[in-house]
Amino acid sequence: MSAKELSRGSYGIYMCDLSKNGQNGGCLAGDEKVLLSGGYKSLSSPPSISGDRIVWAGLKEDTWGIYVYGPD
């Protein structure tokens, strides 16, 4: 699962283990989060999850890009 958060002036994509809190729909405030990718000036929308991949669009160094995190 993923979440976007503003930290130190930039956005990042985080993952948390939903099986630990038993909740559907996202990470809770107290959940331990792992940073997957960071340093974005802006994110166009919340990340999308499809199977074992997370996809998002982000602005990094004045260039928009589409990014995918998942197994190769």
PDB file of N, CA and C in Angstrom:
ATOM      1  N   MET A   1       0.851  -1.180   0.000  1.00  0.00           N
ATOM      2  CA  MET A   1       0.000   0.000   0.000  1.00  0.00           C
ATOM      3  C   MET A   1       0.883   1.225   0.000  1.00  0.00           C
ATOM      4  N   SER A   2       0.370   2.334  -0.462  1.00  0.00           N
ATOM      5  CA  SER A   2       1.201   3.524  -0.553  1.00  0.00           C
ATOM      6  C   SER A   2       0.460   4.752  -0.060  1.00  0.00           C
ATOM      7  N   ALA A   3       1.236   5.744   0.256  1.00  0.00           N
ATOM      8  CA  ALA A   3       0.682   7.029   0.672  1.00  0.00           C
ATOM      9  C   ALA A   3       1.638   8.118   0.247  1.00  0.00           C
ATOM     10  N   LYS A   4       1.112   9.306  -0.011  1.00  0.00           N
ATOM     11  CA  LYS A   4       2.013  10.413  -0.299  1.00  0.00           C
ATOM     12  C   LYS A   4       2.036  11.322   0.918  1.00  0.00           C
ATOM     13  N   GLU A   5       3.188  11.833   1.248  1.00  0.00           N
ATOM     14  CA  GLU A   5       3.334  12.700   2.401  1.00  0.00           C
ATOM     15  C   GLU A   5       4.300  13.819   2.080  1.00  0.00           C
ATOM     16  N   LEU A   6       4.023  14.989   2.648  1.00  0.00           N
ATOM     17  CA  LEU A   6       4.932  16.116   2.529  1.00  0.00           C
ATOM     18  C   LEU A   6       5.871  16.071   3.721  1.00  0.00           C
ATOM     19  N   SER A   7       7.156  15.994   3.446  1.00  0.00           N
ATOM     20  CA  SER A   7       8.159  15.934   4.496  1.00  0.00           C
ATOM     21  C   SER A   7       9.376  16.732   4.059  1.00  0.00           C
ATOM     22  N   ARG A   8       9.794  17.662   4.887  1.00  0.00           N
ATOM     23  CA  ARG A   8      10.969  18.493   4.585  1.00  0.00           C
ATOM     24  C   ARG A   8      10.835  19.218   3.248  1.00  0.00           C
ATOM     25  N   GLY A   9       9.631  19.665   2.906  1.00  0.00           N
ATOM     26  CA  GLY A   9       9.424  20.451   1.698  1.00  0.00           C
ATOM     27  C   GLY A   9       9.265  19.675   0.413  1.00  0.00           C
ATOM     28  N   SER A  10       9.249  18.351   0.476  1.00  0.00           N
ATOM     29  CA  SER A  10       9.040  17.562  -0.739  1.00  0.00           C
ATOM     30  C   SER A  10       8.124  16.376  -0.429  1.00  0.00           C
ATOM     31  N   TYR A  11       7.559  15.822  -1.487  1.00  0.00           N
ATOM     32  CA  TYR A  11       6.650  14.687  -1.351  1.00  0.00           C
ATOM     33  C   TYR A  11       7.388  13.373  -1.570  1.00  0.00           C
ATOM     34  N   GLY A  12       6.856  12.326  -0.973  1.00  0.00           N
ATOM     35  CA  GLY A  12       7.409  10.998  -1.160  1.00  0.00           C
ATOM     36  C   GLY A  12       6.308   9.963  -1.266  1.00  0.00           C
ATOM     37  N   ILE A  13       6.665   8.805  -1.783  1.00  0.00           N
ATOM     38  CA  ILE A  13       5.756   7.668  -1.884  1.00  0.00           C
ATOM     39  C   ILE A  13       6.198   6.661  -0.821  1.00  0.00           C
ATOM     40  N   TYR A  14       5.261   6.286   0.046  1.00  0.00           N
ATOM     41  CA  TYR A  14       5.554   5.394   1.157  1.00  0.00           C
ATOM     42  C   TYR A  14       4.716   4.129   1.060  1.00  0.00           C
ATOM     43  N   MET A  15       5.192   3.084   1.708  1.00  0.00           N
ATOM     44  CA  MET A  15       4.495   1.811   1.765  1.00  0.00           C
ATOM     45  C   MET A  15       4.315   1.447   3.236  1.00  0.00           C
ATOM     46  N   CYS A  16       3.190   0.814   3.564  1.00  0.00           N
ATOM     47  CA  CYS A  16       3.004   0.279   4.910  1.00  0.00           C
ATOM     48  C   CYS A  16       2.327  -1.088   4.803  1.00  0.00           C
ATOM     49  N   ASP A  17       2.437  -1.868   5.844  1.00  0.00           N
ATOM     50  CA  ASP A  17       1.872  -3.218   5.878  1.00  0.00           C
ATOM     51  C   ASP A  17       0.481  -3.154   6.498  1.00  0.00           C
ATOM     52  N   LEU A  18      -0.559  -3.231   5.658  1.00  0.00           N
ATOM     53  CA  LEU A  18      -1.929  -3.123   6.152  1.00  0.00           C
ATOM     54  C   LEU A  18      -2.344  -4.305   7.012  1.00  0.00           C
ATOM     55  N   SER A  19      -1.655  -5.429   6.896  1.00  0.00           N
ATOM     56  CA  SER A  19      -2.026  -6.586   7.708  1.00  0.00           C
ATOM     57  C   SER A  19      -1.761  -6.329   9.190  1.00  0.00           C
ATOM     58  N   LYS A  20      -0.906  -5.358   9.494  1.00  0.00           N
ATOM     59  CA  LYS A  20      -0.602  -5.056  10.896  1.00  0.00           C
ATOM     60  C   LYS A  20      -1.711  -4.268  11.576  1.00  0.00           C
ATOM     61  N   ASN A  21      -2.440  -3.413  10.820  1.00  0.00           N
ATOM     62  CA  ASN A  21      -3.495  -2.625  11.455  1.00  0.00           C
ATOM     63  C   ASN A  21      -4.892  -3.151  11.146  1.00  0.00           C
ATOM     64  N   GLY A  22      -5.004  -4.078  10.210  1.00  0.00           N
ATOM     65  CA  GLY A  22      -6.288  -4.684   9.893  1.00  0.00           C
ATOM     66  C   GLY A  22      -7.274  -3.765   9.203  1.00  0.00           C
ATOM     67  N   GLN A  23      -6.813  -2.635   8.692  1.00  0.00           N
ATOM     68  CA  GLN A  23      -7.695  -1.658   8.062  1.00  0.00           C
ATOM     69  C   GLN A  23      -7.518  -1.660   6.552  1.00  0.00           C
ATOM     70  N   ASN A  24      -8.600  -1.426   5.831  1.00  0.00           N
ATOM     71  CA  ASN A  24      -8.550  -1.242   4.383  1.00  0.00           C
ATOM     72  C   ASN A  24      -8.523   0.246   4.082  1.00  0.00           C
ATOM     73  N   GLY A  25      -7.944   0.627   2.949  1.00  0.00           N
ATOM     74  CA  GLY A  25      -8.047   2.002   2.494  1.00  0.00           C
ATOM     75  C   GLY A  25      -6.826   2.865   2.710  1.00  0.00           C
ATOM     76  N   GLY A  26      -5.786   2.363   3.330  1.00  0.00           N
ATOM     77  CA  GLY A  26      -4.586   3.182   3.436  1.00  0.00           C
ATOM     78  C   GLY A  26      -3.871   3.049   4.759  1.00  0.00           C
ATOM     79  N   CYS A  27      -2.731   3.696   4.829  1.00  0.00           N
ATOM     80  CA  CYS A  27      -1.911   3.705   6.037  1.00  0.00           C
ATOM     81  C   CYS A  27      -2.569   4.590   7.089  1.00  0.00           C
ATOM     82  N   LEU A  28      -2.479   4.189   8.330  1.00  0.00           N
ATOM     83  CA  LEU A  28      -2.954   5.004   9.434  1.00  0.00           C
ATOM     84  C   LEU A  28      -1.814   5.885   9.934  1.00  0.00           C
ATOM     85  N   ALA A  29      -2.157   6.927  10.668  1.00  0.00           N
ATOM     86  CA  ALA A  29      -1.163   7.906  11.127  1.00  0.00           C
ATOM     87  C   ALA A  29      -0.021   7.245  11.901  1.00  0.00           C
ATOM     88  N   GLY A  30      -0.306   6.254  12.714  1.00  0.00           N
ATOM     89  CA  GLY A  30       0.721   5.625  13.533  1.00  0.00           C
ATOM     90  C   GLY A  30       1.440   4.454  12.887  1.00  0.00           C
ATOM     91  N   ASP A  31       1.066   4.095  11.665  1.00  0.00           N
ATOM     92  CA  ASP A  31       1.693   2.957  10.988  1.00  0.00           C
ATOM     93  C   ASP A  31       3.150   3.248  10.642  1.00  0.00           C
ATOM     94  N   GLU A  32       3.979   2.233  10.725  1.00  0.00           N
ATOM     95  CA  GLU A  32       5.366   2.356  10.270  1.00  0.00           C
ATOM     96  C   GLU A  32       5.359   2.397   8.745  1.00  0.00           C
ATOM     97  N   LYS A  33       6.031   3.397   8.182  1.00  0.00           N
ATOM     98  CA  LYS A  33       6.057   3.570   6.728  1.00  0.00           C
ATOM     99  C   LYS A  33       7.480   3.427   6.214  1.00  0.00           C
ATOM    100  N   VAL A  34       7.606   2.868   5.016  1.00  0.00           N
ATOM    101  CA  VAL A  34       8.897   2.700   4.347  1.00  0.00           C
ATOM    102  C   VAL A  34       8.886   3.589   3.105  1.00  0.00           C
ATOM    103  N   LEU A  35       9.888   4.460   2.963  1.00  0.00           N
ATOM    104  CA  LEU A  35       9.979   5.346   1.806  1.00  0.00           C
ATOM    105  C   LEU A  35      10.389   4.549   0.575  1.00  0.00           C
ATOM    106  N   LEU A  36       9.551   4.589  -0.472  1.00  0.00           N
ATOM    107  CA  LEU A  36       9.877   3.933  -1.739  1.00  0.00           C
ATOM    108  C   LEU A  36      10.613   4.884  -2.665  1.00  0.00           C
ATOM    109  N   SER A  37      10.176   6.142  -2.696  1.00  0.00           N
ATOM    110  CA  SER A  37      10.766   7.137  -3.585  1.00  0.00           C
ATOM    111  C   SER A  37      10.419   8.516  -3.046  1.00  0.00           C
ATOM    112  N   GLY A  38      11.355   9.459  -3.111  1.00  0.00           N
ATOM    113  CA  GLY A  38      11.098  10.784  -2.564  1.00  0.00           C
ATOM    114  C   GLY A  38      11.720  11.889  -3.388  1.00  0.00           C
ATOM    115  N   GLY A  39      11.584  13.116  -2.887  1.00  0.00           N
ATOM    116  CA  GLY A  39      12.180  14.273  -3.522  1.00  0.00           C
ATOM    117  C   GLY A  39      11.330  14.915  -4.600  1.00  0.00           C
ATOM    118  N   TYR A  40      10.008  14.706  -4.561  1.00  0.00           N
ATOM    119  CA  TYR A  40       9.118  15.263  -5.577  1.00  0.00           C
ATOM    120  C   TYR A  40       8.627  16.640  -5.152  1.00  0.00           C
ATOM    121  N   LYS A  41       8.609  17.588  -6.087  1.00  0.00           N
ATOM    122  CA  LYS A  41       8.047  18.911  -5.823  1.00  0.00           C
ATOM    123  C   LYS A  41       6.527  18.845  -5.774  1.00  0.00           C
ATOM    124  N   SER A  42       5.947  17.924  -6.526  1.00  0.00           N
ATOM    125  CA  SER A  42       4.496  17.768  -6.582  1.00  0.00           C
ATOM    126  C   SER A  42       4.164  16.361  -7.069  1.00  0.00           C
ATOM    127  N   LEU A  43       3.002  15.873  -6.657  1.00  0.00           N
ATOM    128  CA  LEU A  43       2.462  14.613  -7.161  1.00  0.00           C
ATOM    129  C   LEU A  43       1.103  14.923  -7.765  1.00  0.00           C
ATOM    130  N   SER A  44       0.826  14.403  -8.956  1.00  0.00           N
ATOM    131  CA  SER A  44      -0.392  14.775  -9.672  1.00  0.00           C
ATOM    132  C   SER A  44      -1.654  14.201  -9.047  1.00  0.00           C
ATOM    133  N   SER A  45      -1.548  13.058  -8.419  1.00  0.00           N
ATOM    134  CA  SER A  45      -2.702  12.402  -7.814  1.00  0.00           C
ATOM    135  C   SER A  45      -2.174  11.323  -6.882  1.00  0.00           C
ATOM    136  N   PRO A  46      -3.048  10.733  -6.067  1.00  0.00           N
ATOM    137  CA  PRO A  46      -2.569   9.631  -5.229  1.00  0.00           C
ATOM    138  C   PRO A  46      -2.028   8.497  -6.095  1.00  0.00           C
ATOM    139  N   PRO A  47      -1.079   7.745  -5.581  1.00  0.00           N
ATOM    140  CA  PRO A  47      -0.554   6.596  -6.332  1.00  0.00           C
ATOM    141  C   PRO A  47      -1.663   5.579  -6.598  1.00  0.00           C
ATOM    142  N   SER A  48      -1.531   4.852  -7.697  1.00  0.00           N
ATOM    143  CA  SER A  48      -2.460   3.771  -8.034  1.00  0.00           C
ATOM    144  C   SER A  48      -1.760   2.445  -7.815  1.00  0.00           C
ATOM    145  N   ILE A  49      -2.505   1.473  -7.315  1.00  0.00           N
ATOM    146  CA  ILE A  49      -1.952   0.149  -7.060  1.00  0.00           C
ATOM    147  C   ILE A  49      -2.639  -0.838  -7.990  1.00  0.00           C
ATOM    148  N   SER A  50      -1.830  -1.629  -8.686  1.00  0.00           N
ATOM    149  CA  SER A  50      -2.347  -2.658  -9.576  1.00  0.00           C
ATOM    150  C   SER A  50      -1.530  -3.920  -9.350  1.00  0.00           C
ATOM    151  N   GLY A  51      -2.150  -4.902  -8.738  1.00  0.00           N
ATOM    152  CA  GLY A  51      -1.419  -6.129  -8.430  1.00  0.00           C
ATOM    153  C   GLY A  51      -0.270  -5.838  -7.478  1.00  0.00           C
ATOM    154  N   ASP A  52       0.953  -6.121  -7.927  1.00  0.00           N
ATOM    155  CA  ASP A  52       2.126  -5.890  -7.082  1.00  0.00           C
ATOM    156  C   ASP A  52       2.933  -4.670  -7.531  1.00  0.00           C
ATOM    157  N   ARG A  53       2.293  -3.747  -8.247  1.00  0.00           N
ATOM    158  CA  ARG A  53       2.970  -2.534  -8.724  1.00  0.00           C
ATOM    159  C   ARG A  53       2.259  -1.282  -8.211  1.00  0.00           C
ATOM    160  N   ILE A  54       3.048  -0.248  -7.940  1.00  0.00           N
ATOM    161  CA  ILE A  54       2.534   1.064  -7.560  1.00  0.00           C
ATOM    162  C   ILE A  54       2.959   2.033  -8.650  1.00  0.00           C
ATOM    163  N   VAL A  55       2.023   2.840  -9.151  1.00  0.00           N
ATOM    164  CA  VAL A  55       2.289   3.775 -10.246  1.00  0.00           C
ATOM    165  C   VAL A  55       1.881   5.174  -9.799  1.00  0.00           C
ATOM    166  N   TRP A  56       2.709   6.191 -10.139  1.00  0.00           N
ATOM    167  CA  TRP A  56       2.380   7.572  -9.808  1.00  0.00           C
ATOM    168  C   TRP A  56       3.048   8.518 -10.795  1.00  0.00           C
ATOM    169  N   ALA A  57       2.548   9.739 -10.852  1.00  0.00           N
ATOM    170  CA  ALA A  57       3.160  10.796 -11.659  1.00  0.00           C
ATOM    171  C   ALA A  57       3.693  11.844 -10.696  1.00  0.00           C
ATOM    172  N   GLY A  58       4.928  12.263 -10.914  1.00  0.00           N
ATOM    173  CA  GLY A  58       5.541  13.222 -10.015  1.00  0.00           C
ATOM    174  C   GLY A  58       6.422  14.223 -10.735  1.00  0.00           C
ATOM    175  N   LEU A  59       6.564  15.395 -10.121  1.00  0.00           N
ATOM    176  CA  LEU A  59       7.413  16.467 -10.639  1.00  0.00           C
ATOM    177  C   LEU A  59       8.730  16.439  -9.887  1.00  0.00           C
ATOM    178  N   LYS A  60       9.809  16.154 -10.608  1.00  0.00           N
ATOM    179  CA  LYS A  60      11.145  16.084 -10.029  1.00  0.00           C
ATOM    180  C   LYS A  60      12.067  16.903 -10.916  1.00  0.00           C
ATOM    181  N   GLU A  61      12.791  17.858 -10.316  1.00  0.00           N
ATOM    182  CA  GLU A  61      13.732  18.698 -11.071  1.00  0.00           C
ATOM    183  C   GLU A  61      13.062  19.345 -12.285  1.00  0.00           C
ATOM    184  N   ASP A  62      11.880  19.920 -12.087  1.00  0.00           N
ATOM    185  CA  ASP A  62      11.124  20.656 -13.112  1.00  0.00           C
ATOM    186  C   ASP A  62      10.673  19.807 -14.301  1.00  0.00           C
ATOM    187  N   THR A  63      10.657  18.486 -14.155  1.00  0.00           N
ATOM    188  CA  THR A  63      10.198  17.593 -15.218  1.00  0.00           C
ATOM    189  C   THR A  63       9.201  16.595 -14.637  1.00  0.00           C
ATOM    190  N   TRP A  64       8.030  16.484 -15.289  1.00  0.00           N
ATOM    191  CA  TRP A  64       7.044  15.494 -14.878  1.00  0.00           C
ATOM    192  C   TRP A  64       7.433  14.126 -15.423  1.00  0.00           C
ATOM    193  N   GLY A  65       7.203  13.099 -14.629  1.00  0.00           N
ATOM    194  CA  GLY A  65       7.475  11.738 -15.069  1.00  0.00           C
ATOM    195  C   GLY A  65       6.449  10.784 -14.498  1.00  0.00           C
ATOM    196  N   ILE A  66       6.336   9.622 -15.104  1.00  0.00           N
ATOM    197  CA  ILE A  66       5.490   8.545 -14.596  1.00  0.00           C
ATOM    198  C   ILE A  66       6.425   7.472 -14.070  1.00  0.00           C
ATOM    199  N   TYR A  67       6.178   7.049 -12.841  1.00  0.00           N
ATOM    200  CA  TYR A  67       7.076   6.134 -12.147  1.00  0.00           C
ATOM    201  C   TYR A  67       6.330   4.872 -11.745  1.00  0.00           C
ATOM    202  N   VAL A  68       7.038   3.757 -11.717  1.00  0.00           N
ATOM    203  CA  VAL A  68       6.473   2.466 -11.326  1.00  0.00           C
ATOM    204  C   VAL A  68       7.405   1.832 -10.307  1.00  0.00           C
ATOM    205  N   TYR A  69       6.819   1.310  -9.228  1.00  0.00           N
ATOM    206  CA  TYR A  69       7.580   0.550  -8.251  1.00  0.00           C
ATOM    207  C   TYR A  69       6.980  -0.842  -8.213  1.00  0.00           C
ATOM    208  N   GLY A  70       7.814  -1.849  -8.325  1.00  0.00           N
ATOM    209  CA  GLY A  70       7.348  -3.226  -8.266  1.00  0.00           C
ATOM    210  C   GLY A  70       8.433  -4.163  -8.744  1.00  0.00           C
ATOM    211  N   PRO A  71       8.134  -5.441  -8.759  1.00  0.00           N
ATOM    212  CA  PRO A  71       9.140  -6.409  -9.199  1.00  0.00           C
ATOM    213  C   PRO A  71       9.488  -6.220 -10.672  1.00  0.00           C
ATOM    214  N   ASP A  72      10.722  -6.513 -10.997  1.00  0.00           N
ATOM    215  CA  ASP A  72      11.180  -6.388 -12.395  1.00  0.00           C
ATOM    216  C   ASP A  72      10.670  -7.517 -13.250  1.00  0.00           C
TER     217      ASP A  72
END
